[in-house]
Amino acid sequence: MGAKASTEKHPNDGENEKFKFGSCSMQGWRQTNEDAMISQLDIGDGNSVFAVFDGHGGEHVALFCKKHFVQLLKKKKTYKAKNYEKALEETFLQIDRMLLQKTG
């Protein structure tokens, strides 16, 4: 066998007047850590975003989501109208479409 899990932990924490958070990632048995996280206490309008993008589809997908998610979310009319549930749904669907176009 000879394979060994990488158990090095990568902690992240922060707080503001509304939230205190902590997270931790670990590579485990994979060759690289393929997950990506967002932990933004204020995305510019007083709202916070916390997300984990599971890298089972590969780290490129998770990193793409991390890079684009918040900016796409904030552009949604539904987000600006404070319909956050709908805005989140629309953003996830938009990212899915964008990824499908990239992989054609």
PDB file of N, CA and C in Angstrom:
ATOM      1  N   MET A   1       0.830  -1.193   0.000  1.00  0.00           N
ATOM      2  CA  MET A   1       0.000   0.000   0.000  1.00  0.00           C
ATOM      3  C   MET A   1       0.868   1.247   0.000  1.00  0.00           C
ATOM      4  N   GLY A   2       1.412   1.665   1.104  1.00  0.00           N
ATOM      5  CA  GLY A   2       2.318   2.793   1.172  1.00  0.00           C
ATOM      6  C   GLY A   2       1.659   4.159   1.129  1.00  0.00           C
ATOM      7  N   ALA A   3       0.405   4.260   0.722  1.00  0.00           N
ATOM      8  CA  ALA A   3      -0.261   5.560   0.649  1.00  0.00           C
ATOM      9  C   ALA A   3      -0.551   6.066   2.055  1.00  0.00           C
ATOM     10  N   LYS A   4      -0.439   7.368   2.204  1.00  0.00           N
ATOM     11  CA  LYS A   4      -0.693   7.970   3.509  1.00  0.00           C
ATOM     12  C   LYS A   4      -1.468   9.277   3.312  1.00  0.00           C
ATOM     13  N   ALA A   5      -2.435   9.501   4.156  1.00  0.00           N
ATOM     14  CA  ALA A   5      -3.222  10.737   4.087  1.00  0.00           C
ATOM     15  C   ALA A   5      -2.390  11.912   4.583  1.00  0.00           C
ATOM     16  N   SER A   6      -2.566  13.053   3.936  1.00  0.00           N
ATOM     17  CA  SER A   6      -1.960  14.292   4.409  1.00  0.00           C
ATOM     18  C   SER A   6      -2.912  14.900   5.430  1.00  0.00           C
ATOM     19  N   THR A   7      -2.477  14.967   6.660  1.00  0.00           N
ATOM     20  CA  THR A   7      -3.355  15.443   7.739  1.00  0.00           C
ATOM     21  C   THR A   7      -3.015  16.862   8.188  1.00  0.00           C
ATOM     22  N   GLU A   8      -2.206  17.582   7.414  1.00  0.00           N
ATOM     23  CA  GLU A   8      -1.901  18.969   7.748  1.00  0.00           C
ATOM     24  C   GLU A   8      -3.178  19.797   7.655  1.00  0.00           C
ATOM     25  N   LYS A   9      -3.451  20.547   8.695  1.00  0.00           N
ATOM     26  CA  LYS A   9      -4.674  21.352   8.775  1.00  0.00           C
ATOM     27  C   LYS A   9      -4.386  22.791   8.348  1.00  0.00           C
ATOM     28  N   HIS A  10      -5.359  23.405   7.686  1.00  0.00           N
ATOM     29  CA  HIS A  10      -5.263  24.804   7.259  1.00  0.00           C
ATOM     30  C   HIS A  10      -6.440  25.571   7.853  1.00  0.00           C
ATOM     31  N   PRO A  11      -6.243  26.118   9.053  1.00  0.00           N
ATOM     32  CA  PRO A  11      -7.340  26.819   9.729  1.00  0.00           C
ATOM     33  C   PRO A  11      -7.527  28.241   9.203  1.00  0.00           C
ATOM     34  N   ASN A  12      -8.753  28.730   9.371  1.00  0.00           N
ATOM     35  CA  ASN A  12      -9.112  30.088   8.993  1.00  0.00           C
ATOM     36  C   ASN A  12     -10.183  30.550   9.961  1.00  0.00           C
ATOM     37  N   ASP A  13     -10.036  31.742  10.498  1.00  0.00           N
ATOM     38  CA  ASP A  13     -11.078  32.262  11.376  1.00  0.00           C
ATOM     39  C   ASP A  13     -11.141  33.775  11.256  1.00  0.00           C
ATOM     40  N   GLY A  14     -12.220  34.315  11.754  1.00  0.00           N
ATOM     41  CA  GLY A  14     -12.403  35.756  11.739  1.00  0.00           C
ATOM     42  C   GLY A  14     -13.664  36.139  12.469  1.00  0.00           C
ATOM     43  N   GLU A  15     -13.855  37.420  12.627  1.00  0.00           N
ATOM     44  CA  GLU A  15     -15.065  37.896  13.294  1.00  0.00           C
ATOM     45  C   GLU A  15     -15.307  39.357  12.974  1.00  0.00           C
ATOM     46  N   ASN A  16     -16.553  39.752  13.130  1.00  0.00           N
ATOM     47  CA  ASN A  16     -16.944  41.153  13.094  1.00  0.00           C
ATOM     48  C   ASN A  16     -18.009  41.337  14.166  1.00  0.00           C
ATOM     49  N   GLU A  17     -18.739  42.427  14.114  1.00  0.00           N
ATOM     50  CA  GLU A  17     -19.735  42.682  15.159  1.00  0.00           C
ATOM     51  C   GLU A  17     -20.929  41.733  15.097  1.00  0.00           C
ATOM     52  N   LYS A  18     -21.134  41.044  13.948  1.00  0.00           N
ATOM     53  CA  LYS A  18     -22.273  40.139  13.801  1.00  0.00           C
ATOM     54  C   LYS A  18     -21.902  38.668  13.918  1.00  0.00           C
ATOM     55  N   PHE A  19     -20.716  38.292  13.443  1.00  0.00           N
ATOM     56  CA  PHE A  19     -20.358  36.880  13.334  1.00  0.00           C
ATOM     57  C   PHE A  19     -18.954  36.612  13.848  1.00  0.00           C
ATOM     58  N   LYS A  20     -18.792  35.397  14.290  1.00  0.00           N
ATOM     59  CA  LYS A  20     -17.477  34.849  14.588  1.00  0.00           C
ATOM     60  C   LYS A  20     -17.463  33.481  13.920  1.00  0.00           C
ATOM     61  N   PHE A  21     -16.440  33.200  13.097  1.00  0.00           N
ATOM     62  CA  PHE A  21     -16.432  31.936  12.380  1.00  0.00           C
ATOM     63  C   PHE A  21     -15.074  31.260  12.481  1.00  0.00           C
ATOM     64  N   GLY A  22     -15.108  29.982  12.235  1.00  0.00           N
ATOM     65  CA  GLY A  22     -13.884  29.195  12.144  1.00  0.00           C
ATOM     66  C   GLY A  22     -14.074  28.109  11.106  1.00  0.00           C
ATOM     67  N   SER A  23     -13.028  27.815  10.369  1.00  0.00           N
ATOM     68  CA  SER A  23     -13.071  26.734   9.394  1.00  0.00           C
ATOM     69  C   SER A  23     -11.698  26.090   9.329  1.00  0.00           C
ATOM     70  N   CYS A  24     -11.673  24.915   8.756  1.00  0.00           N
ATOM     71  CA  CYS A  24     -10.405  24.205   8.642  1.00  0.00           C
ATOM     72  C   CYS A  24     -10.494  23.271   7.445  1.00  0.00           C
ATOM     73  N   SER A  25      -9.438  23.201   6.667  1.00  0.00           N
ATOM     74  CA  SER A  25      -9.419  22.268   5.544  1.00  0.00           C
ATOM     75  C   SER A  25      -8.232  21.320   5.688  1.00  0.00           C
ATOM     76  N   MET A  26      -8.378  20.173   5.059  1.00  0.00           N
ATOM     77  CA  MET A  26      -7.330  19.161   5.104  1.00  0.00           C
ATOM     78  C   MET A  26      -7.365  18.387   3.789  1.00  0.00           C
ATOM     79  N   GLN A  27      -6.223  18.094   3.257  1.00  0.00           N
ATOM     80  CA  GLN A  27      -6.107  17.383   1.983  1.00  0.00           C
ATOM     81  C   GLN A  27      -6.614  15.956   2.072  1.00  0.00           C
ATOM     82  N   GLY A  28      -6.284  15.265   3.112  1.00  0.00           N
ATOM     83  CA  GLY A  28      -6.700  13.868   3.266  1.00  0.00           C
ATOM     84  C   GLY A  28      -5.980  12.960   2.291  1.00  0.00           C
ATOM     85  N   TRP A  29      -6.712  12.060   1.669  1.00  0.00           N
ATOM     86  CA  TRP A  29      -6.132  11.048   0.787  1.00  0.00           C
ATOM     87  C   TRP A  29      -5.909  11.538  -0.640  1.00  0.00           C
ATOM     88  N   ARG A  30      -6.447  12.688  -0.975  1.00  0.00           N
ATOM     89  CA  ARG A  30      -6.306  13.201  -2.342  1.00  0.00           C
ATOM     90  C   ARG A  30      -4.873  13.680  -2.606  1.00  0.00           C
ATOM     91  N   GLN A  31      -4.507  13.776  -3.878  1.00  0.00           N
ATOM     92  CA  GLN A  31      -3.161  14.240  -4.230  1.00  0.00           C
ATOM     93  C   GLN A  31      -2.982  15.720  -3.915  1.00  0.00           C
ATOM     94  N   THR A  32      -4.048  16.500  -4.026  1.00  0.00           N
ATOM     95  CA  THR A  32      -4.039  17.914  -3.660  1.00  0.00           C
ATOM     96  C   THR A  32      -5.358  18.229  -2.971  1.00  0.00           C
ATOM     97  N   ASN A  33      -5.403  19.346  -2.254  1.00  0.00           N
ATOM     98  CA  ASN A  33      -6.661  19.783  -1.653  1.00  0.00           C
ATOM     99  C   ASN A  33      -7.463  20.477  -2.746  1.00  0.00           C
ATOM    100  N   GLU A  34      -8.559  19.886  -3.143  1.00  0.00           N
ATOM    101  CA  GLU A  34      -9.337  20.351  -4.291  1.00  0.00           C
ATOM    102  C   GLU A  34     -10.512  21.236  -3.907  1.00  0.00           C
ATOM    103  N   ASP A  35     -10.709  21.480  -2.631  1.00  0.00           N
ATOM    104  CA  ASP A  35     -11.832  22.289  -2.168  1.00  0.00           C
ATOM    105  C   ASP A  35     -11.458  23.775  -2.153  1.00  0.00           C
ATOM    106  N   ALA A  36     -12.464  24.630  -2.196  1.00  0.00           N
ATOM    107  CA  ALA A  36     -12.265  26.077  -2.073  1.00  0.00           C
ATOM    108  C   ALA A  36     -13.353  26.629  -1.162  1.00  0.00           C
ATOM    109  N   MET A  37     -13.016  27.669  -0.406  1.00  0.00           N
ATOM    110  CA  MET A  37     -13.956  28.256   0.546  1.00  0.00           C
ATOM    111  C   MET A  37     -14.035  29.764   0.379  1.00  0.00           C
ATOM    112  N   ILE A  38     -15.206  30.282   0.684  1.00  0.00           N
ATOM    113  CA  ILE A  38     -15.397  31.726   0.817  1.00  0.00           C
ATOM    114  C   ILE A  38     -15.812  31.971   2.259  1.00  0.00           C
ATOM    115  N   SER A  39     -15.148  32.904   2.898  1.00  0.00           N
ATOM    116  CA  SER A  39     -15.560  33.341   4.235  1.00  0.00           C
ATOM    117  C   SER A  39     -15.348  34.848   4.295  1.00  0.00           C
ATOM    118  N   GLN A  40     -16.330  35.576   3.762  1.00  0.00           N
ATOM    119  CA  GLN A  40     -16.279  37.032   3.721  1.00  0.00           C
ATOM    120  C   GLN A  40     -17.302  37.595   4.696  1.00  0.00           C
ATOM    121  N   LEU A  41     -16.802  38.267   5.697  1.00  0.00           N
ATOM    122  CA  LEU A  41     -17.675  38.832   6.725  1.00  0.00           C
ATOM    123  C   LEU A  41     -18.502  40.012   6.229  1.00  0.00           C
ATOM    124  N   ASP A  42     -18.017  40.712   5.213  1.00  0.00           N
ATOM    125  CA  ASP A  42     -18.768  41.833   4.640  1.00  0.00           C
ATOM    126  C   ASP A  42     -18.411  41.902   3.158  1.00  0.00           C
ATOM    127  N   ILE A  43     -19.407  41.712   2.310  1.00  0.00           N
ATOM    128  CA  ILE A  43     -19.153  41.739   0.868  1.00  0.00           C
ATOM    129  C   ILE A  43     -19.389  43.138   0.294  1.00  0.00           C
ATOM    130  N   GLY A  44     -19.350  44.132   1.169  1.00  0.00           N
ATOM    131  CA  GLY A  44     -19.445  45.513   0.737  1.00  0.00           C
ATOM    132  C   GLY A  44     -20.750  46.192   1.041  1.00  0.00           C
ATOM    133  N   ASP A  45     -21.729  45.418   1.484  1.00  0.00           N
ATOM    134  CA  ASP A  45     -23.042  45.996   1.774  1.00  0.00           C
ATOM    135  C   ASP A  45     -23.571  45.539   3.137  1.00  0.00           C
ATOM    136  N   GLY A  46     -22.678  45.018   3.957  1.00  0.00           N
ATOM    137  CA  GLY A  46     -23.075  44.537   5.279  1.00  0.00           C
ATOM    138  C   GLY A  46     -23.471  43.081   5.317  1.00  0.00           C
ATOM    139  N   ASN A  47     -23.663  42.446   4.160  1.00  0.00           N
ATOM    140  CA  ASN A  47     -23.976  41.018   4.112  1.00  0.00           C
ATOM    141  C   ASN A  47     -22.699  40.193   4.113  1.00  0.00           C
ATOM    142  N   SER A  48     -22.824  38.978   4.591  1.00  0.00           N
ATOM    143  CA  SER A  48     -21.700  38.047   4.650  1.00  0.00           C
ATOM    144  C   SER A  48     -21.965  36.862   3.742  1.00  0.00           C
ATOM    145  N   VAL A  49     -20.892  36.236   3.267  1.00  0.00           N
ATOM    146  CA  VAL A  49     -21.012  35.017   2.469  1.00  0.00           C
ATOM    147  C   VAL A  49     -20.013  33.997   2.998  1.00  0.00           C
ATOM    148  N   PHE A  50     -20.544  32.814   3.290  1.00  0.00           N
ATOM    149  CA  PHE A  50     -19.724  31.674   3.676  1.00  0.00           C
ATOM    150  C   PHE A  50     -20.101  30.521   2.755  1.00  0.00           C
ATOM    151  N   ALA A  51     -19.122  29.911   2.119  1.00  0.00           N
ATOM    152  CA  ALA A  51     -19.413  28.829   1.184  1.00  0.00           C
ATOM    153  C   ALA A  51     -18.241  27.860   1.119  1.00  0.00           C
ATOM    154  N   VAL A  52     -18.568  26.606   0.871  1.00  0.00           N
ATOM    155  CA  VAL A  52     -17.555  25.580   0.602  1.00  0.00           C
ATOM    156  C   VAL A  52     -17.893  24.969  -0.746  1.00  0.00           C
ATOM    157  N   PHE A  53     -16.921  24.972  -1.632  1.00  0.00           N
ATOM    158  CA  PHE A  53     -17.087  24.383  -2.952  1.00  0.00           C
ATOM    159  C   PHE A  53     -16.269  23.098  -2.969  1.00  0.00           C
ATOM    160  N   ASP A  54     -16.969  21.985  -2.979  1.00  0.00           N
ATOM    161  CA  ASP A  54     -16.348  20.672  -2.919  1.00  0.00           C
ATOM    162  C   ASP A  54     -15.615  20.405  -4.221  1.00  0.00           C
ATOM    163  N   GLY A  55     -14.375  20.030  -4.125  1.00  0.00           N
ATOM    164  CA  GLY A  55     -13.539  19.840  -5.296  1.00  0.00           C
ATOM    165  C   GLY A  55     -13.641  18.494  -5.963  1.00  0.00           C
ATOM    166  N   HIS A  56     -14.700  17.735  -5.683  1.00  0.00           N
ATOM    167  CA  HIS A  56     -14.814  16.421  -6.309  1.00  0.00           C
ATOM    168  C   HIS A  56     -14.875  16.504  -7.825  1.00  0.00           C
ATOM    169  N   GLY A  57     -15.261  17.667  -8.357  1.00  0.00           N
ATOM    170  CA  GLY A  57     -15.239  17.881  -9.799  1.00  0.00           C
ATOM    171  C   GLY A  57     -13.888  18.390 -10.273  1.00  0.00           C
ATOM    172  N   GLY A  58     -12.939  18.468  -9.369  1.00  0.00           N
ATOM    173  CA  GLY A  58     -11.613  18.992  -9.670  1.00  0.00           C
ATOM    174  C   GLY A  58     -11.434  20.370  -9.068  1.00  0.00           C
ATOM    175  N   GLU A  59     -10.205  20.690  -8.737  1.00  0.00           N
ATOM    176  CA  GLU A  59      -9.955  21.967  -8.071  1.00  0.00           C
ATOM    177  C   GLU A  59     -10.258  23.158  -8.970  1.00  0.00           C
ATOM    178  N   HIS A  60     -10.182  23.002 -10.287  1.00  0.00           N
ATOM    179  CA  HIS A  60     -10.447  24.117 -11.191  1.00  0.00           C
ATOM    180  C   HIS A  60     -11.884  24.614 -11.055  1.00  0.00           C
ATOM    181  N   VAL A  61     -12.808  23.691 -10.905  1.00  0.00           N
ATOM    182  CA  VAL A  61     -14.218  24.061 -10.741  1.00  0.00           C
ATOM    183  C   VAL A  61     -14.423  24.790  -9.416  1.00  0.00           C
ATOM    184  N   ALA A  62     -13.875  24.248  -8.348  1.00  0.00           N
ATOM    185  CA  ALA A  62     -14.024  24.874  -7.030  1.00  0.00           C
ATOM    186  C   ALA A  62     -13.397  26.263  -7.010  1.00  0.00           C
ATOM    187  N   LEU A  63     -12.225  26.417  -7.597  1.00  0.00           N
ATOM    188  CA  LEU A  63     -11.554  27.718  -7.627  1.00  0.00           C
ATOM    189  C   LEU A  63     -12.306  28.715  -8.507  1.00  0.00           C
ATOM    190  N   PHE A  64     -12.896  28.254  -9.601  1.00  0.00           N
ATOM    191  CA  PHE A  64     -13.714  29.111 -10.464  1.00  0.00           C
ATOM    192  C   PHE A  64     -14.898  29.656  -9.658  1.00  0.00           C
ATOM    193  N   CYS A  65     -15.567  28.780  -8.922  1.00  0.00           N
ATOM    194  CA  CYS A  65     -16.711  29.196  -8.103  1.00  0.00           C
ATOM    195  C   CYS A  65     -16.288  30.226  -7.060  1.00  0.00           C
ATOM    196  N   LYS A  66     -15.177  29.960  -6.396  1.00  0.00           N
ATOM    197  CA  LYS A  66     -14.684  30.888  -5.375  1.00  0.00           C
ATOM    198  C   LYS A  66     -14.387  32.256  -5.986  1.00  0.00           C
ATOM    199  N   LYS A  67     -13.770  32.270  -7.146  1.00  0.00           N
ATOM    200  CA  LYS A  67     -13.366  33.511  -7.791  1.00  0.00           C
ATOM    201  C   LYS A  67     -14.555  34.361  -8.235  1.00  0.00           C
ATOM    202  N   HIS A  68     -15.627  33.728  -8.731  1.00  0.00           N
ATOM    203  CA  HIS A  68     -16.707  34.469  -9.375  1.00  0.00           C
ATOM    204  C   HIS A  68     -17.997  34.593  -8.567  1.00  0.00           C
ATOM    205  N   PHE A  69     -18.184  33.768  -7.547  1.00  0.00           N
ATOM    206  CA  PHE A  69     -19.478  33.667  -6.893  1.00  0.00           C
ATOM    207  C   PHE A  69     -19.990  34.994  -6.334  1.00  0.00           C
ATOM    208  N   VAL A  70     -19.204  35.655  -5.523  1.00  0.00           N
ATOM    209  CA  VAL A  70     -19.682  36.868  -4.845  1.00  0.00           C
ATOM    210  C   VAL A  70     -19.976  37.979  -5.848  1.00  0.00           C
ATOM    211  N   GLN A  71     -19.097  38.182  -6.821  1.00  0.00           N
ATOM    212  CA  GLN A  71     -19.335  39.266  -7.786  1.00  0.00           C
ATOM    213  C   GLN A  71     -20.588  39.000  -8.614  1.00  0.00           C
ATOM    214  N   LEU A  72     -20.841  37.751  -8.989  1.00  0.00           N
ATOM    215  CA  LEU A  72     -22.059  37.425  -9.741  1.00  0.00           C
ATOM    216  C   LEU A  72     -23.301  37.608  -8.873  1.00  0.00           C
ATOM    217  N   LEU A  73     -23.215  37.168  -7.634  1.00  0.00           N
ATOM    218  CA  LEU A  73     -24.335  37.298  -6.701  1.00  0.00           C
ATOM    219  C   LEU A  73     -24.752  38.757  -6.539  1.00  0.00           C
ATOM    220  N   LYS A  74     -23.788  39.620  -6.310  1.00  0.00           N
ATOM    221  CA  LYS A  74     -24.087  41.031  -6.050  1.00  0.00           C
ATOM    222  C   LYS A  74     -24.671  41.754  -7.252  1.00  0.00           C
ATOM    223  N   LYS A  75     -24.482  41.239  -8.457  1.00  0.00           N
ATOM    224  CA  LYS A  75     -25.020  41.864  -9.666  1.00  0.00           C
ATOM    225  C   LYS A  75     -26.484  41.502  -9.922  1.00  0.00           C
ATOM    226  N   LYS A  76     -26.980  40.482  -9.262  1.00  0.00           N
ATOM    227  CA  LYS A  76     -28.342  40.006  -9.504  1.00  0.00           C
ATOM    228  C   LYS A  76     -29.378  41.043  -9.047  1.00  0.00           C
ATOM    229  N   LYS A  77     -30.403  41.245  -9.879  1.00  0.00           N
ATOM    230  CA  LYS A  77     -31.518  42.131  -9.505  1.00  0.00           C
ATOM    231  C   LYS A  77     -32.200  41.614  -8.253  1.00  0.00           C
ATOM    232  N   THR A  78     -32.329  40.304  -8.153  1.00  0.00           N
ATOM    233  CA  THR A  78     -32.979  39.714  -6.981  1.00  0.00           C
ATOM    234  C   THR A  78     -32.173  39.961  -5.704  1.00  0.00           C
ATOM    235  N   TYR A  79     -30.857  39.982  -5.825  1.00  0.00           N
ATOM    236  CA  TYR A  79     -30.019  40.295  -4.657  1.00  0.00           C
ATOM    237  C   TYR A  79     -30.248  41.741  -4.231  1.00  0.00           C
ATOM    238  N   LYS A  80     -30.231  42.640  -5.210  1.00  0.00           N
ATOM    239  CA  LYS A  80     -30.431  44.058  -4.920  1.00  0.00           C
ATOM    240  C   LYS A  80     -31.810  44.316  -4.325  1.00  0.00           C
ATOM    241  N   ALA A  81     -32.800  43.460  -4.669  1.00  0.00           N
ATOM    242  CA  ALA A  81     -34.148  43.559  -4.112  1.00  0.00           C
ATOM    243  C   ALA A  81     -34.273  42.813  -2.784  1.00  0.00           C
ATOM    244  N   LYS A  82     -33.150  42.298  -2.281  1.00  0.00           N
ATOM    245  CA  LYS A  82     -33.075  41.579  -0.994  1.00  0.00           C
ATOM    246  C   LYS A  82     -33.818  40.248  -0.993  1.00  0.00           C
ATOM    247  N   ASN A  83     -34.013  39.688  -2.185  1.00  0.00           N
ATOM    248  CA  ASN A  83     -34.562  38.339  -2.305  1.00  0.00           C
ATOM    249  C   ASN A  83     -33.363  37.390  -2.396  1.00  0.00           C
ATOM    250  N   TYR A  84     -32.729  37.178  -1.256  1.00  0.00           N
ATOM    251  CA  TYR A  84     -31.442  36.485  -1.216  1.00  0.00           C
ATOM    252  C   TYR A  84     -31.536  35.016  -1.619  1.00  0.00           C
ATOM    253  N   GLU A  85     -32.611  34.355  -1.232  1.00  0.00           N
ATOM    254  CA  GLU A  85     -32.768  32.952  -1.602  1.00  0.00           C
ATOM    255  C   GLU A  85     -32.779  32.791  -3.126  1.00  0.00           C
ATOM    256  N   LYS A  86     -33.567  33.604  -3.792  1.00  0.00           N
ATOM    257  CA  LYS A  86     -33.646  33.546  -5.257  1.00  0.00           C
ATOM    258  C   LYS A  86     -32.317  33.950  -5.890  1.00  0.00           C
ATOM    259  N   ALA A  87     -31.661  34.954  -5.336  1.00  0.00           N
ATOM    260  CA  ALA A  87     -30.380  35.409  -5.869  1.00  0.00           C
ATOM    261  C   ALA A  87     -29.314  34.317  -5.765  1.00  0.00           C
ATOM    262  N   LEU A  88     -29.302  33.602  -4.663  1.00  0.00           N
ATOM    263  CA  LEU A  88     -28.349  32.490  -4.515  1.00  0.00           C
ATOM    264  C   LEU A  88     -28.619  31.410  -5.551  1.00  0.00           C
ATOM    265  N   GLU A  89     -29.888  31.056  -5.707  1.00  0.00           N
ATOM    266  CA  GLU A  89     -30.263  30.038  -6.688  1.00  0.00           C
ATOM    267  C   GLU A  89     -29.840  30.463  -8.100  1.00  0.00           C
ATOM    268  N   GLU A  90     -30.141  31.701  -8.460  1.00  0.00           N
ATOM    269  CA  GLU A  90     -29.776  32.204  -9.786  1.00  0.00           C
ATOM    270  C   GLU A  90     -28.261  32.197  -9.996  1.00  0.00           C
ATOM    271  N   THR A  91     -27.519  32.533  -8.960  1.00  0.00           N
ATOM    272  CA  THR A  91     -26.057  32.575  -9.072  1.00  0.00           C
ATOM    273  C   THR A  91     -25.492  31.180  -9.280  1.00  0.00           C
ATOM    274  N   PHE A  92     -25.971  30.215  -8.530  1.00  0.00           N
ATOM    275  CA  PHE A  92     -25.500  28.835  -8.718  1.00  0.00           C
ATOM    276  C   PHE A  92     -25.812  28.343 -10.129  1.00  0.00           C
ATOM    277  N   LEU A  93     -27.000  28.627 -10.613  1.00  0.00           N
ATOM    278  CA  LEU A  93     -27.370  28.211 -11.971  1.00  0.00           C
ATOM    279  C   LEU A  93     -26.516  28.912 -13.021  1.00  0.00           C
ATOM    280  N   GLN A  94     -26.231  30.195 -12.809  1.00  0.00           N
ATOM    281  CA  GLN A  94     -25.385  30.920 -13.750  1.00  0.00           C
ATOM    282  C   GLN A  94     -23.974  30.334 -13.790  1.00  0.00           C
ATOM    283  N   ILE A  95     -23.425  30.008 -12.637  1.00  0.00           N
ATOM    284  CA  ILE A  95     -22.091  29.409 -12.598  1.00  0.00           C
ATOM    285  C   ILE A  95     -22.099  28.051 -13.292  1.00  0.00           C
ATOM    286  N   ASP A  96     -23.144  27.269 -13.081  1.00  0.00           N
ATOM    287  CA  ASP A  96     -23.259  25.983 -13.785  1.00  0.00           C
ATOM    288  C   ASP A  96     -23.218  26.196 -15.299  1.00  0.00           C
ATOM    289  N   ARG A  97     -23.996  27.167 -15.787  1.00  0.00           N
ATOM    290  CA  ARG A  97     -24.017  27.448 -17.228  1.00  0.00           C
ATOM    291  C   ARG A  97     -22.646  27.904 -17.723  1.00  0.00           C
ATOM    292  N   MET A  98     -21.987  28.746 -16.961  1.00  0.00           N
ATOM    293  CA  MET A  98     -20.670  29.238 -17.347  1.00  0.00           C
ATOM    294  C   MET A  98     -19.669  28.089 -17.441  1.00  0.00           C
ATOM    295  N   LEU A  99     -19.729  27.187 -16.488  1.00  0.00           N
ATOM    296  CA  LEU A  99     -18.805  26.042 -16.490  1.00  0.00           C
ATOM    297  C   LEU A  99     -19.108  25.110 -17.646  1.00  0.00           C
ATOM    298  N   LEU A 100     -20.388  24.913 -17.944  1.00  0.00           N
ATOM    299  CA  LEU A 100     -20.748  24.060 -19.089  1.00  0.00           C
ATOM    300  C   LEU A 100     -20.251  24.667 -20.407  1.00  0.00           C
ATOM    301  N   GLN A 101     -20.326  25.988 -20.529  1.00  0.00           N
ATOM    302  CA  GLN A 101     -19.831  26.645 -21.741  1.00  0.00           C
ATOM    303  C   GLN A 101     -18.315  26.491 -21.870  1.00  0.00           C
ATOM    304  N   LYS A 102     -17.601  26.542 -20.749  1.00  0.00           N
ATOM    305  CA  LYS A 102     -16.150  26.405 -20.777  1.00  0.00           C
ATOM    306  C   LYS A 102     -15.727  24.983 -21.176  1.00  0.00           C
ATOM    307  N   THR A 103     -16.513  23.996 -20.749  1.00  0.00           N
ATOM    308  CA  THR A 103     -16.135  22.603 -21.014  1.00  0.00           C
ATOM    309  C   THR A 103     -16.786  22.074 -22.287  1.00  0.00           C
ATOM    310  N   GLY A 104     -17.750  22.840 -22.819  1.00  0.00           N
ATOM    311  CA  GLY A 104     -18.429  22.591 -24.068  1.00  0.00           C
ATOM    312  C   GLY A 104     -18.887  21.238 -24.297  1.00  0.00           C
TER     313      GLY A 104
END
